[in-house]
Amino acid sequence: MQHQLRAAHYARYCDDFIIVSPDREYLLGLIEPMRYFLRTRLQLNLHPTKVTIRSWHQGIDFLGYVTKPHCTLLRRRTQRRMLTRVTPSNLTSYQGLCSHADTYHIRQLLGILAYEVGES
């Protein structure tokens, strides 16, 4: 899709992707060609509520993180899920997820919760 649509700033992981451009009209114009390409070439459909155009200051929501000009944060839903599911056996996995973002306080909470769960 990147080669056909000639998107200069494109990132993809499995079936998730983002295209970054300062031109909102350009991005709006890409939606239908993307929809057509995905449907005809890959037999995939764009999710109707997951196609968004946002400004850089609102943050780029991608793969559980929100990237902003000054920081990278964990998506709130990802934070809540981690904090309710942490156990001593999955703590290191969640710490690895946190290591890619600005998550000092969340890592502290994860350690406390894992310790409490491990004691009981």
PDB file of N, CA and C in Angstrom:
ATOM      1  N   MET A   1       0.822  -1.187   0.000  1.00  0.00           N
ATOM      2  CA  MET A   1       0.000   0.000   0.000  1.00  0.00           C
ATOM      3  C   MET A   1       0.870   1.256   0.000  1.00  0.00           C
ATOM      4  N   GLN A   2       1.979   1.210   0.739  1.00  0.00           N
ATOM      5  CA  GLN A   2       2.857   2.376   0.790  1.00  0.00           C
ATOM      6  C   GLN A   2       3.357   2.750  -0.604  1.00  0.00           C
ATOM      7  N   HIS A   3       3.726   1.760  -1.405  1.00  0.00           N
ATOM      8  CA  HIS A   3       4.265   2.042  -2.738  1.00  0.00           C
ATOM      9  C   HIS A   3       3.182   2.538  -3.680  1.00  0.00           C
ATOM     10  N   GLN A   4       1.996   1.965  -3.584  1.00  0.00           N
ATOM     11  CA  GLN A   4       0.912   2.358  -4.484  1.00  0.00           C
ATOM     12  C   GLN A   4       0.384   3.759  -4.161  1.00  0.00           C
ATOM     13  N   LEU A   5       0.234   4.056  -2.865  1.00  0.00           N
ATOM     14  CA  LEU A   5      -0.305   5.364  -2.475  1.00  0.00           C
ATOM     15  C   LEU A   5       0.785   6.424  -2.340  1.00  0.00           C
ATOM     16  N   ARG A   6       2.037   6.000  -2.354  1.00  0.00           N
ATOM     17  CA  ARG A   6       3.184   6.887  -2.259  1.00  0.00           C
ATOM     18  C   ARG A   6       3.156   7.762  -1.002  1.00  0.00           C
ATOM     19  N   ALA A   7       2.811   7.135   0.112  1.00  0.00           N
ATOM     20  CA  ALA A   7       2.808   7.841   1.394  1.00  0.00           C
ATOM     21  C   ALA A   7       4.250   7.927   1.903  1.00  0.00           C
ATOM     22  N   ALA A   8       4.724   9.133   2.121  1.00  0.00           N
ATOM     23  CA  ALA A   8       6.122   9.324   2.531  1.00  0.00           C
ATOM     24  C   ALA A   8       6.373   8.881   3.965  1.00  0.00           C
ATOM     25  N   HIS A   9       5.451   9.155   4.857  1.00  0.00           N
ATOM     26  CA  HIS A   9       5.636   8.841   6.284  1.00  0.00           C
ATOM     27  C   HIS A   9       4.576   7.827   6.696  1.00  0.00           C
ATOM     28  N   TYR A  10       4.950   6.569   6.584  1.00  0.00           N
ATOM     29  CA  TYR A  10       4.033   5.451   6.771  1.00  0.00           C
ATOM     30  C   TYR A  10       4.682   4.446   7.710  1.00  0.00           C
ATOM     31  N   ALA A  11       3.927   3.955   8.692  1.00  0.00           N
ATOM     32  CA  ALA A  11       4.435   2.910   9.591  1.00  0.00           C
ATOM     33  C   ALA A  11       3.356   1.838   9.701  1.00  0.00           C
ATOM     34  N   ARG A  12       3.820   0.573   9.763  1.00  0.00           N
ATOM     35  CA  ARG A  12       2.868  -0.534   9.828  1.00  0.00           C
ATOM     36  C   ARG A  12       3.393  -1.596  10.774  1.00  0.00           C
ATOM     37  N   TYR A  13       2.453  -2.194  11.504  1.00  0.00           N
ATOM     38  CA  TYR A  13       2.753  -3.367  12.311  1.00  0.00           C
ATOM     39  C   TYR A  13       1.554  -4.298  12.155  1.00  0.00           C
ATOM     40  N   CYS A  14       1.780  -5.450  11.551  1.00  0.00           N
ATOM     41  CA  CYS A  14       0.706  -6.417  11.241  1.00  0.00           C
ATOM     42  C   CYS A  14      -0.389  -5.702  10.449  1.00  0.00           C
ATOM     43  N   ASP A  15      -1.589  -5.608  10.997  1.00  0.00           N
ATOM     44  CA  ASP A  15      -2.668  -4.964  10.244  1.00  0.00           C
ATOM     45  C   ASP A  15      -2.965  -3.548  10.730  1.00  0.00           C
ATOM     46  N   ASP A  16      -2.102  -2.986  11.560  1.00  0.00           N
ATOM     47  CA  ASP A  16      -2.241  -1.602  12.014  1.00  0.00           C
ATOM     48  C   ASP A  16      -1.253  -0.727  11.257  1.00  0.00           C
ATOM     49  N   PHE A  17      -1.689   0.451  10.881  1.00  0.00           N
ATOM     50  CA  PHE A  17      -0.770   1.363  10.204  1.00  0.00           C
ATOM     51  C   PHE A  17      -1.154   2.801  10.465  1.00  0.00           C
ATOM     52  N   ILE A  18      -0.167   3.681  10.280  1.00  0.00           N
ATOM     53  CA  ILE A  18      -0.401   5.121  10.381  1.00  0.00           C
ATOM     54  C   ILE A  18       0.279   5.795   9.201  1.00  0.00           C
ATOM     55  N   ILE A  19      -0.295   6.893   8.796  1.00  0.00           N
ATOM     56  CA  ILE A  19       0.306   7.756   7.783  1.00  0.00           C
ATOM     57  C   ILE A  19       0.336   9.153   8.389  1.00  0.00           C
ATOM     58  N   VAL A  20       1.494   9.777   8.361  1.00  0.00           N
ATOM     59  CA  VAL A  20       1.678  11.082   8.978  1.00  0.00           C
ATOM     60  C   VAL A  20       1.944  12.111   7.892  1.00  0.00           C
ATOM     61  N   SER A  21       1.228  13.227   7.974  1.00  0.00           N
ATOM     62  CA  SER A  21       1.420  14.322   7.023  1.00  0.00           C
ATOM     63  C   SER A  21       0.930  15.617   7.654  1.00  0.00           C
ATOM     64  N   PRO A  22       1.564  16.740   7.321  1.00  0.00           N
ATOM     65  CA  PRO A  22       1.067  18.024   7.822  1.00  0.00           C
ATOM     66  C   PRO A  22      -0.179  18.491   7.057  1.00  0.00           C
ATOM     67  N   ASP A  23      -0.498  17.837   5.951  1.00  0.00           N
ATOM     68  CA  ASP A  23      -1.604  18.247   5.080  1.00  0.00           C
ATOM     69  C   ASP A  23      -2.854  17.419   5.356  1.00  0.00           C
ATOM     70  N   ARG A  24      -3.815  18.004   6.057  1.00  0.00           N
ATOM     71  CA  ARG A  24      -5.051  17.306   6.414  1.00  0.00           C
ATOM     72  C   ARG A  24      -5.839  16.875   5.174  1.00  0.00           C
ATOM     73  N   GLU A  25      -5.884  17.727   4.168  1.00  0.00           N
ATOM     74  CA  GLU A  25      -6.628  17.397   2.947  1.00  0.00           C
ATOM     75  C   GLU A  25      -6.013  16.195   2.235  1.00  0.00           C
ATOM     76  N   TYR A  26      -4.694  16.102   2.232  1.00  0.00           N
ATOM     77  CA  TYR A  26      -4.008  14.953   1.651  1.00  0.00           C
ATOM     78  C   TYR A  26      -4.432  13.676   2.363  1.00  0.00           C
ATOM     79  N   LEU A  27      -4.457  13.715   3.695  1.00  0.00           N
ATOM     80  CA  LEU A  27      -4.852  12.543   4.474  1.00  0.00           C
ATOM     81  C   LEU A  27      -6.310  12.162   4.220  1.00  0.00           C
ATOM     82  N   LEU A  28      -7.182  13.150   4.162  1.00  0.00           N
ATOM     83  CA  LEU A  28      -8.592  12.869   3.855  1.00  0.00           C
ATOM     84  C   LEU A  28      -8.727  12.232   2.470  1.00  0.00           C
ATOM     85  N   GLY A  29      -7.920  12.702   1.529  1.00  0.00           N
ATOM     86  CA  GLY A  29      -7.961  12.156   0.174  1.00  0.00           C
ATOM     87  C   GLY A  29      -7.428  10.735   0.075  1.00  0.00           C
ATOM     88  N   LEU A  30      -6.666  10.291   1.048  1.00  0.00           N
ATOM     89  CA  LEU A  30      -6.120   8.935   1.031  1.00  0.00           C
ATOM     90  C   LEU A  30      -7.107   7.870   1.507  1.00  0.00           C
ATOM     91  N   ILE A  31      -8.133   8.270   2.224  1.00  0.00           N
ATOM     92  CA  ILE A  31      -9.024   7.285   2.856  1.00  0.00           C
ATOM     93  C   ILE A  31      -9.686   6.374   1.824  1.00  0.00           C
ATOM     94  N   GLU A  32     -10.280   6.925   0.807  1.00  0.00           N
ATOM     95  CA  GLU A  32     -10.961   6.076  -0.187  1.00  0.00           C
ATOM     96  C   GLU A  32      -9.987   5.205  -0.989  1.00  0.00           C
ATOM     97  N   PRO A  33      -8.857   5.749  -1.466  1.00  0.00           N
ATOM     98  CA  PRO A  33      -7.893   4.862  -2.137  1.00  0.00           C
ATOM     99  C   PRO A  33      -7.381   3.741  -1.224  1.00  0.00           C
ATOM    100  N   MET A  34      -7.182   4.033   0.059  1.00  0.00           N
ATOM    101  CA  MET A  34      -6.762   2.986   1.003  1.00  0.00           C
ATOM    102  C   MET A  34      -7.847   1.933   1.147  1.00  0.00           C
ATOM    103  N   ARG A  35      -9.061   2.408   1.307  1.00  0.00           N
ATOM    104  CA  ARG A  35     -10.193   1.485   1.457  1.00  0.00           C
ATOM    105  C   ARG A  35     -10.298   0.572   0.234  1.00  0.00           C
ATOM    106  N   TYR A  36     -10.159   1.133  -0.961  1.00  0.00           N
ATOM    107  CA  TYR A  36     -10.244   0.355  -2.199  1.00  0.00           C
ATOM    108  C   TYR A  36      -9.099  -0.654  -2.289  1.00  0.00           C
ATOM    109  N   PHE A  37      -7.878  -0.189  -2.018  1.00  0.00           N
ATOM    110  CA  PHE A  37      -6.709  -1.065  -2.097  1.00  0.00           C
ATOM    111  C   PHE A  37      -6.842  -2.235  -1.125  1.00  0.00           C
ATOM    112  N   LEU A  38      -7.184  -1.940   0.104  1.00  0.00           N
ATOM    113  CA  LEU A  38      -7.301  -3.002   1.109  1.00  0.00           C
ATOM    114  C   LEU A  38      -8.389  -4.009   0.749  1.00  0.00           C
ATOM    115  N   ARG A  39      -9.505  -3.515   0.231  1.00  0.00           N
ATOM    116  CA  ARG A  39     -10.622  -4.403  -0.120  1.00  0.00           C
ATOM    117  C   ARG A  39     -10.282  -5.260  -1.340  1.00  0.00           C
ATOM    118  N   THR A  40      -9.713  -4.664  -2.383  1.00  0.00           N
ATOM    119  CA  THR A  40      -9.490  -5.406  -3.626  1.00  0.00           C
ATOM    120  C   THR A  40      -8.230  -6.256  -3.601  1.00  0.00           C
ATOM    121  N   ARG A  41      -7.158  -5.768  -2.976  1.00  0.00           N
ATOM    122  CA  ARG A  41      -5.895  -6.499  -3.001  1.00  0.00           C
ATOM    123  C   ARG A  41      -5.729  -7.471  -1.842  1.00  0.00           C
ATOM    124  N   LEU A  42      -6.225  -7.080  -0.658  1.00  0.00           N
ATOM    125  CA  LEU A  42      -5.957  -7.870   0.539  1.00  0.00           C
ATOM    126  C   LEU A  42      -7.205  -8.462   1.190  1.00  0.00           C
ATOM    127  N   GLN A  43      -8.367  -8.179   0.617  1.00  0.00           N
ATOM    128  CA  GLN A  43      -9.642  -8.621   1.173  1.00  0.00           C
ATOM    129  C   GLN A  43      -9.788  -8.198   2.642  1.00  0.00           C
ATOM    130  N   LEU A  44      -9.403  -6.955   2.934  1.00  0.00           N
ATOM    131  CA  LEU A  44      -9.521  -6.373   4.270  1.00  0.00           C
ATOM    132  C   LEU A  44     -10.402  -5.134   4.197  1.00  0.00           C
ATOM    133  N   ASN A  45     -10.968  -4.774   5.333  1.00  0.00           N
ATOM    134  CA  ASN A  45     -11.781  -3.564   5.416  1.00  0.00           C
ATOM    135  C   ASN A  45     -11.233  -2.661   6.501  1.00  0.00           C
ATOM    136  N   LEU A  46     -11.303  -1.343   6.258  1.00  0.00           N
ATOM    137  CA  LEU A  46     -10.963  -0.388   7.301  1.00  0.00           C
ATOM    138  C   LEU A  46     -12.073  -0.403   8.342  1.00  0.00           C
ATOM    139  N   HIS A  47     -11.700  -0.403   9.598  1.00  0.00           N
ATOM    140  CA  HIS A  47     -12.695  -0.363  10.665  1.00  0.00           C
ATOM    141  C   HIS A  47     -13.362   1.012  10.635  1.00  0.00           C
ATOM    142  N   PRO A  48     -14.686   1.066  10.638  1.00  0.00           N
ATOM    143  CA  PRO A  48     -15.373   2.351  10.474  1.00  0.00           C
ATOM    144  C   PRO A  48     -15.097   3.375  11.575  1.00  0.00           C
ATOM    145  N   THR A  49     -14.807   2.940  12.789  1.00  0.00           N
ATOM    146  CA  THR A  49     -14.592   3.911  13.868  1.00  0.00           C
ATOM    147  C   THR A  49     -13.120   4.096  14.225  1.00  0.00           C
ATOM    148  N   LYS A  50     -12.226   3.383  13.575  1.00  0.00           N
ATOM    149  CA  LYS A  50     -10.812   3.476  13.939  1.00  0.00           C
ATOM    150  C   LYS A  50      -9.988   4.314  12.965  1.00  0.00           C
ATOM    151  N   VAL A  51     -10.589   4.881  11.966  1.00  0.00           N
ATOM    152  CA  VAL A  51      -9.885   5.778  11.048  1.00  0.00           C
ATOM    153  C   VAL A  51     -10.025   7.187  11.611  1.00  0.00           C
ATOM    154  N   THR A  52      -8.902   7.762  12.034  1.00  0.00           N
ATOM    155  CA  THR A  52      -8.942   9.107  12.608  1.00  0.00           C
ATOM    156  C   THR A  52      -7.847   9.964  11.998  1.00  0.00           C
ATOM    157  N   ILE A  53      -8.115  11.240  11.951  1.00  0.00           N
ATOM    158  CA  ILE A  53      -7.109  12.228  11.558  1.00  0.00           C
ATOM    159  C   ILE A  53      -6.982  13.168  12.741  1.00  0.00           C
ATOM    160  N   ARG A  54      -5.775  13.214  13.288  1.00  0.00           N
ATOM    161  CA  ARG A  54      -5.534  13.987  14.495  1.00  0.00           C
ATOM    162  C   ARG A  54      -4.323  14.885  14.295  1.00  0.00           C
ATOM    163  N   SER A  55      -4.269  15.934  15.096  1.00  0.00           N
ATOM    164  CA  SER A  55      -3.093  16.801  15.051  1.00  0.00           C
ATOM    165  C   SER A  55      -1.984  16.169  15.899  1.00  0.00           C
ATOM    166  N   TRP A  56      -0.772  16.565  15.636  1.00  0.00           N
ATOM    167  CA  TRP A  56       0.389  16.044  16.349  1.00  0.00           C
ATOM    168  C   TRP A  56       0.262  16.307  17.858  1.00  0.00           C
ATOM    169  N   HIS A  57      -0.311  17.444  18.223  1.00  0.00           N
ATOM    170  CA  HIS A  57      -0.428  17.792  19.637  1.00  0.00           C
ATOM    171  C   HIS A  57      -1.484  16.959  20.353  1.00  0.00           C
ATOM    172  N   GLN A  58      -2.431  16.393  19.621  1.00  0.00           N
ATOM    173  CA  GLN A  58      -3.398  15.479  20.227  1.00  0.00           C
ATOM    174  C   GLN A  58      -2.752  14.121  20.493  1.00  0.00           C
ATOM    175  N   GLY A  59      -1.731  13.818  19.761  1.00  0.00           N
ATOM    176  CA  GLY A  59      -1.014  12.563  19.928  1.00  0.00           C
ATOM    177  C   GLY A  59      -1.393  11.539  18.881  1.00  0.00           C
ATOM    178  N   ILE A  60      -0.434  10.689  18.542  1.00  0.00           N
ATOM    179  CA  ILE A  60      -0.662   9.608  17.588  1.00  0.00           C
ATOM    180  C   ILE A  60      -0.893   8.338  18.385  1.00  0.00           C
ATOM    181  N   ASP A  61      -2.098   7.805  18.293  1.00  0.00           N
ATOM    182  CA  ASP A  61      -2.492   6.603  19.029  1.00  0.00           C
ATOM    183  C   ASP A  61      -2.168   5.392  18.158  1.00  0.00           C
ATOM    184  N   PHE A  62      -1.153   4.604  18.583  1.00  0.00           N
ATOM    185  CA  PHE A  62      -0.689   3.490  17.770  1.00  0.00           C
ATOM    186  C   PHE A  62      -0.102   2.405  18.653  1.00  0.00           C
ATOM    187  N   LEU A  63      -0.638   1.214  18.562  1.00  0.00           N
ATOM    188  CA  LEU A  63      -0.114   0.021  19.236  1.00  0.00           C
ATOM    189  C   LEU A  63      -0.065   0.150  20.758  1.00  0.00           C
ATOM    190  N   GLY A  64      -1.087   0.776  21.343  1.00  0.00           N
ATOM    191  CA  GLY A  64      -1.155   0.865  22.798  1.00  0.00           C
ATOM    192  C   GLY A  64      -0.449   2.057  23.398  1.00  0.00           C
ATOM    193  N   TYR A  65       0.172   2.872  22.569  1.00  0.00           N
ATOM    194  CA  TYR A  65       0.876   4.065  23.027  1.00  0.00           C
ATOM    195  C   TYR A  65       0.266   5.294  22.360  1.00  0.00           C
ATOM    196  N   VAL A  66       0.431   6.438  23.018  1.00  0.00           N
ATOM    197  CA  VAL A  66       0.067   7.724  22.419  1.00  0.00           C
ATOM    198  C   VAL A  66       1.348   8.546  22.371  1.00  0.00           C
ATOM    199  N   THR A  67       1.808   8.852  21.157  1.00  0.00           N
ATOM    200  CA  THR A  67       3.042   9.612  20.977  1.00  0.00           C
ATOM    201  C   THR A  67       2.690  11.070  20.742  1.00  0.00           C
ATOM    202  N   LYS A  68       3.257  11.926  21.568  1.00  0.00           N
ATOM    203  CA  LYS A  68       3.056  13.368  21.467  1.00  0.00           C
ATOM    204  C   LYS A  68       4.406  14.016  21.187  1.00  0.00           C
ATOM    205  N   PRO A  69       4.426  15.306  20.886  1.00  0.00           N
ATOM    206  CA  PRO A  69       5.704  15.952  20.571  1.00  0.00           C
ATOM    207  C   PRO A  69       6.733  15.856  21.693  1.00  0.00           C
ATOM    208  N   HIS A  70       6.287  15.859  22.937  1.00  0.00           N
ATOM    209  CA  HIS A  70       7.214  15.909  24.066  1.00  0.00           C
ATOM    210  C   HIS A  70       7.308  14.614  24.873  1.00  0.00           C
ATOM    211  N   CYS A  71       6.493  13.607  24.563  1.00  0.00           N
ATOM    212  CA  CYS A  71       6.535  12.372  25.352  1.00  0.00           C
ATOM    213  C   CYS A  71       5.782  11.243  24.649  1.00  0.00           C
ATOM    214  N   THR A  72       5.995  10.036  25.143  1.00  0.00           N
ATOM    215  CA  THR A  72       5.241   8.864  24.708  1.00  0.00           C
ATOM    216  C   THR A  72       4.551   8.295  25.937  1.00  0.00           C
ATOM    217  N   LEU A  73       3.240   8.121  25.844  1.00  0.00           N
ATOM    218  CA  LEU A  73       2.440   7.649  26.963  1.00  0.00           C
ATOM    219  C   LEU A  73       1.790   6.318  26.629  1.00  0.00           C
ATOM    220  N   LEU A  74       1.461   5.561  27.667  1.00  0.00           N
ATOM    221  CA  LEU A  74       0.640   4.375  27.455  1.00  0.00           C
ATOM    222  C   LEU A  74      -0.801   4.818  27.302  1.00  0.00           C
ATOM    223  N   ARG A  75      -1.525   4.198  26.400  1.00  0.00           N
ATOM    224  CA  ARG A  75      -2.942   4.483  26.248  1.00  0.00           C
ATOM    225  C   ARG A  75      -3.635   4.178  27.588  1.00  0.00           C
ATOM    226  N   ARG A  76      -4.601   4.981  27.975  1.00  0.00           N
ATOM    227  CA  ARG A  76      -5.288   4.812  29.271  1.00  0.00           C
ATOM    228  C   ARG A  76      -5.896   3.419  29.417  1.00  0.00           C
ATOM    229  N   ARG A  77      -6.491   2.923  28.370  1.00  0.00           N
ATOM    230  CA  ARG A  77      -7.099   1.589  28.414  1.00  0.00           C
ATOM    231  C   ARG A  77      -6.027   0.526  28.675  1.00  0.00           C
ATOM    232  N   THR A  78      -4.850   0.694  28.091  1.00  0.00           N
ATOM    233  CA  THR A  78      -3.744  -0.235  28.313  1.00  0.00           C
ATOM    234  C   THR A  78      -3.292  -0.163  29.770  1.00  0.00           C
ATOM    235  N   GLN A  79      -3.219   1.038  30.325  1.00  0.00           N
ATOM    236  CA  GLN A  79      -2.838   1.200  31.732  1.00  0.00           C
ATOM    237  C   GLN A  79      -3.823   0.473  32.650  1.00  0.00           C
ATOM    238  N   ARG A  80      -5.112   0.708  32.443  1.00  0.00           N
ATOM    239  CA  ARG A  80      -6.130   0.071  33.289  1.00  0.00           C
ATOM    240  C   ARG A  80      -6.054  -1.443  33.200  1.00  0.00           C
ATOM    241  N   ARG A  81      -5.887  -1.955  31.991  1.00  0.00           N
ATOM    242  CA  ARG A  81      -5.814  -3.409  31.804  1.00  0.00           C
ATOM    243  C   ARG A  81      -4.600  -3.979  32.536  1.00  0.00           C
ATOM    244  N   MET A  82      -3.469  -3.314  32.428  1.00  0.00           N
ATOM    245  CA  MET A  82      -2.259  -3.785  33.112  1.00  0.00           C
ATOM    246  C   MET A  82      -2.449  -3.810  34.616  1.00  0.00           C
ATOM    247  N   LEU A  83      -2.977  -2.727  35.158  1.00  0.00           N
ATOM    248  CA  LEU A  83      -3.102  -2.610  36.601  1.00  0.00           C
ATOM    249  C   LEU A  83      -4.099  -3.607  37.185  1.00  0.00           C
ATOM    250  N   THR A  84      -5.057  -4.055  36.397  1.00  0.00           N
ATOM    251  CA  THR A  84      -6.014  -5.050  36.911  1.00  0.00           C
ATOM    252  C   THR A  84      -5.534  -6.474  36.702  1.00  0.00           C
ATOM    253  N   ARG A  85      -4.588  -6.692  35.800  1.00  0.00           N
ATOM    254  CA  ARG A  85      -4.159  -8.053  35.467  1.00  0.00           C
ATOM    255  C   ARG A  85      -2.764  -8.424  35.942  1.00  0.00           C
ATOM    256  N   VAL A  86      -2.063  -7.517  36.596  1.00  0.00           N
ATOM    257  CA  VAL A  86      -0.666  -7.797  36.969  1.00  0.00           C
ATOM    258  C   VAL A  86      -0.589  -8.918  38.006  1.00  0.00           C
ATOM    259  N   THR A  87       0.340  -9.814  37.783  1.00  0.00           N
ATOM    260  CA  THR A  87       0.678 -10.887  38.721  1.00  0.00           C
ATOM    261  C   THR A  87       2.201 -10.986  38.767  1.00  0.00           C
ATOM    262  N   PRO A  88       2.744 -11.684  39.748  1.00  0.00           N
ATOM    263  CA  PRO A  88       4.205 -11.842  39.753  1.00  0.00           C
ATOM    264  C   PRO A  88       4.732 -12.523  38.487  1.00  0.00           C
ATOM    265  N   SER A  89       3.936 -13.389  37.882  1.00  0.00           N
ATOM    266  CA  SER A  89       4.422 -14.106  36.699  1.00  0.00           C
ATOM    267  C   SER A  89       4.412 -13.261  35.427  1.00  0.00           C
ATOM    268  N   ASN A  90       3.594 -12.206  35.351  1.00  0.00           N
ATOM    269  CA  ASN A  90       3.583 -11.380  34.142  1.00  0.00           C
ATOM    270  C   ASN A  90       4.142  -9.980  34.361  1.00  0.00           C
ATOM    271  N   LEU A  91       4.671  -9.725  35.539  1.00  0.00           N
ATOM    272  CA  LEU A  91       5.183  -8.394  35.873  1.00  0.00           C
ATOM    273  C   LEU A  91       6.279  -7.941  34.914  1.00  0.00           C
ATOM    274  N   THR A  92       7.226  -8.808  34.596  1.00  0.00           N
ATOM    275  CA  THR A  92       8.335  -8.387  33.726  1.00  0.00           C
ATOM    276  C   THR A  92       7.839  -8.042  32.321  1.00  0.00           C
ATOM    277  N   SER A  93       6.813  -8.721  31.864  1.00  0.00           N
ATOM    278  CA  SER A  93       6.243  -8.396  30.558  1.00  0.00           C
ATOM    279  C   SER A  93       5.650  -6.990  30.561  1.00  0.00           C
ATOM    280  N   TYR A  94       4.906  -6.669  31.615  1.00  0.00           N
ATOM    281  CA  TYR A  94       4.313  -5.336  31.721  1.00  0.00           C
ATOM    282  C   TYR A  94       5.390  -4.266  31.920  1.00  0.00           C
ATOM    283  N   GLN A  95       6.441  -4.597  32.645  1.00  0.00           N
ATOM    284  CA  GLN A  95       7.537  -3.638  32.801  1.00  0.00           C
ATOM    285  C   GLN A  95       8.210  -3.369  31.458  1.00  0.00           C
ATOM    286  N   GLY A  96       8.323  -4.394  30.626  1.00  0.00           N
ATOM    287  CA  GLY A  96       8.874  -4.212  29.286  1.00  0.00           C
ATOM    288  C   GLY A  96       8.006  -3.295  28.450  1.00  0.00           C
ATOM    289  N   LEU A  97       6.690  -3.470  28.540  1.00  0.00           N
ATOM    290  CA  LEU A  97       5.759  -2.598  27.827  1.00  0.00           C
ATOM    291  C   LEU A  97       5.924  -1.155  28.291  1.00  0.00           C
ATOM    292  N   CYS A  98       6.084  -0.981  29.593  1.00  0.00           N
ATOM    293  CA  CYS A  98       6.243   0.368  30.156  1.00  0.00           C
ATOM    294  C   CYS A  98       7.577   1.010  29.777  1.00  0.00           C
ATOM    295  N   SER A  99       8.579   0.205  29.502  1.00  0.00           N
ATOM    296  CA  SER A  99       9.916   0.750  29.244  1.00  0.00           C
ATOM    297  C   SER A  99       9.979   1.596  27.972  1.00  0.00           C
ATOM    298  N   HIS A 100       8.974   1.502  27.125  1.00  0.00           N
ATOM    299  CA  HIS A 100       8.973   2.257  25.869  1.00  0.00           C
ATOM    300  C   HIS A 100       8.237   3.587  25.986  1.00  0.00           C
ATOM    301  N   ALA A 101       7.780   3.923  27.193  1.00  0.00           N
ATOM    302  CA  ALA A 101       6.997   5.143  27.367  1.00  0.00           C
ATOM    303  C   ALA A 101       7.390   5.832  28.670  1.00  0.00           C
ATOM    304  N   ASP A 102       6.840   7.013  28.870  1.00  0.00           N
ATOM    305  CA  ASP A 102       7.067   7.774  30.093  1.00  0.00           C
ATOM    306  C   ASP A 102       6.086   7.258  31.150  1.00  0.00           C
ATOM    307  N   THR A 103       6.535   6.269  31.933  1.00  0.00           N
ATOM    308  CA  THR A 103       5.617   5.544  32.816  1.00  0.00           C
ATOM    309  C   THR A 103       6.169   5.328  34.220  1.00  0.00           C
ATOM    310  N   TYR A 104       6.926   6.252  34.734  1.00  0.00           N
ATOM    311  CA  TYR A 104       7.539   6.061  36.047  1.00  0.00           C
ATOM    312  C   TYR A 104       6.499   5.680  37.100  1.00  0.00           C
ATOM    313  N   HIS A 105       5.410   6.424  37.204  1.00  0.00           N
ATOM    314  CA  HIS A 105       4.405   6.182  38.242  1.00  0.00           C
ATOM    315  C   HIS A 105       3.674   4.855  38.021  1.00  0.00           C
ATOM    316  N   ILE A 106       3.420   4.520  36.801  1.00  0.00           N
ATOM    317  CA  ILE A 106       2.741   3.255  36.512  1.00  0.00           C
ATOM    318  C   ILE A 106       3.640   2.084  36.895  1.00  0.00           C
ATOM    319  N   ARG A 107       4.939   2.191  36.610  1.00  0.00           N
ATOM    320  CA  ARG A 107       5.871   1.125  36.988  1.00  0.00           C
ATOM    321  C   ARG A 107       5.934   0.962  38.502  1.00  0.00           C
ATOM    322  N   GLN A 108       5.850   2.065  39.218  1.00  0.00           N
ATOM    323  CA  GLN A 108       5.825   1.980  40.681  1.00  0.00           C
ATOM    324  C   GLN A 108       4.570   1.243  41.145  1.00  0.00           C
ATOM    325  N   LEU A 109       3.422   1.584  40.580  1.00  0.00           N
ATOM    326  CA  LEU A 109       2.160   0.896  40.922  1.00  0.00           C
ATOM    327  C   LEU A 109       2.214  -0.583  40.580  1.00  0.00           C
ATOM    328  N   LEU A 110       2.776  -0.917  39.421  1.00  0.00           N
ATOM    329  CA  LEU A 110       2.885  -2.320  39.022  1.00  0.00           C
ATOM    330  C   LEU A 110       3.702  -3.111  40.039  1.00  0.00           C
ATOM    331  N   GLY A 111       4.796  -2.545  40.491  1.00  0.00           N
ATOM    332  CA  GLY A 111       5.636  -3.220  41.471  1.00  0.00           C
ATOM    333  C   GLY A 111       4.903  -3.445  42.775  1.00  0.00           C
ATOM    334  N   ILE A 112       4.167  -2.449  43.229  1.00  0.00           N
ATOM    335  CA  ILE A 112       3.411  -2.573  44.474  1.00  0.00           C
ATOM    336  C   ILE A 112       2.319  -3.630  44.321  1.00  0.00           C
ATOM    337  N   LEU A 113       1.558  -3.566  43.217  1.00  0.00           N
ATOM    338  CA  LEU A 113       0.481  -4.531  43.009  1.00  0.00           C
ATOM    339  C   LEU A 113       1.009  -5.961  42.888  1.00  0.00           C
ATOM    340  N   ALA A 114       2.100  -6.133  42.167  1.00  0.00           N
ATOM    341  CA  ALA A 114       2.671  -7.486  42.013  1.00  0.00           C
ATOM    342  C   ALA A 114       3.155  -8.004  43.357  1.00  0.00           C
ATOM    343  N   TYR A 115       3.721  -7.136  44.175  1.00  0.00           N
ATOM    344  CA  TYR A 115       4.189  -7.541  45.490  1.00  0.00           C
ATOM    345  C   TYR A 115       3.005  -7.969  46.367  1.00  0.00           C
ATOM    346  N   GLU A 116       1.925  -7.168  46.323  1.00  0.00           N
ATOM    347  CA  GLU A 116       0.734  -7.481  47.134  1.00  0.00           C
ATOM    348  C   GLU A 116       0.093  -8.785  46.693  1.00  0.00           C
ATOM    349  N   VAL A 117       0.008  -9.000  45.390  1.00  0.00           N
ATOM    350  CA  VAL A 117      -0.589 -10.222  44.858  1.00  0.00           C
ATOM    351  C   VAL A 117       0.284 -11.428  45.211  1.00  0.00           C
ATOM    352  N   GLY A 118       1.613 -11.251  45.158  1.00  0.00           N
ATOM    353  CA  GLY A 118       2.533 -12.331  45.470  1.00  0.00           C
ATOM    354  C   GLY A 118       2.490 -12.754  46.933  1.00  0.00           C
ATOM    355  N   GLU A 119       2.177 -11.803  47.816  1.00  0.00           N
ATOM    356  CA  GLU A 119       2.102 -12.108  49.245  1.00  0.00           C
ATOM    357  C   GLU A 119       0.869 -12.921  49.613  1.00  0.00           C
ATOM    358  N   SER A 120      -0.224 -12.699  48.900  1.00  0.00           N
ATOM    359  CA  SER A 120      -1.473 -13.369  49.283  1.00  0.00           C
ATOM    360  C   SER A 120      -1.604 -14.764  48.722  1.00  0.00           C
TER     361      SER A 120
END
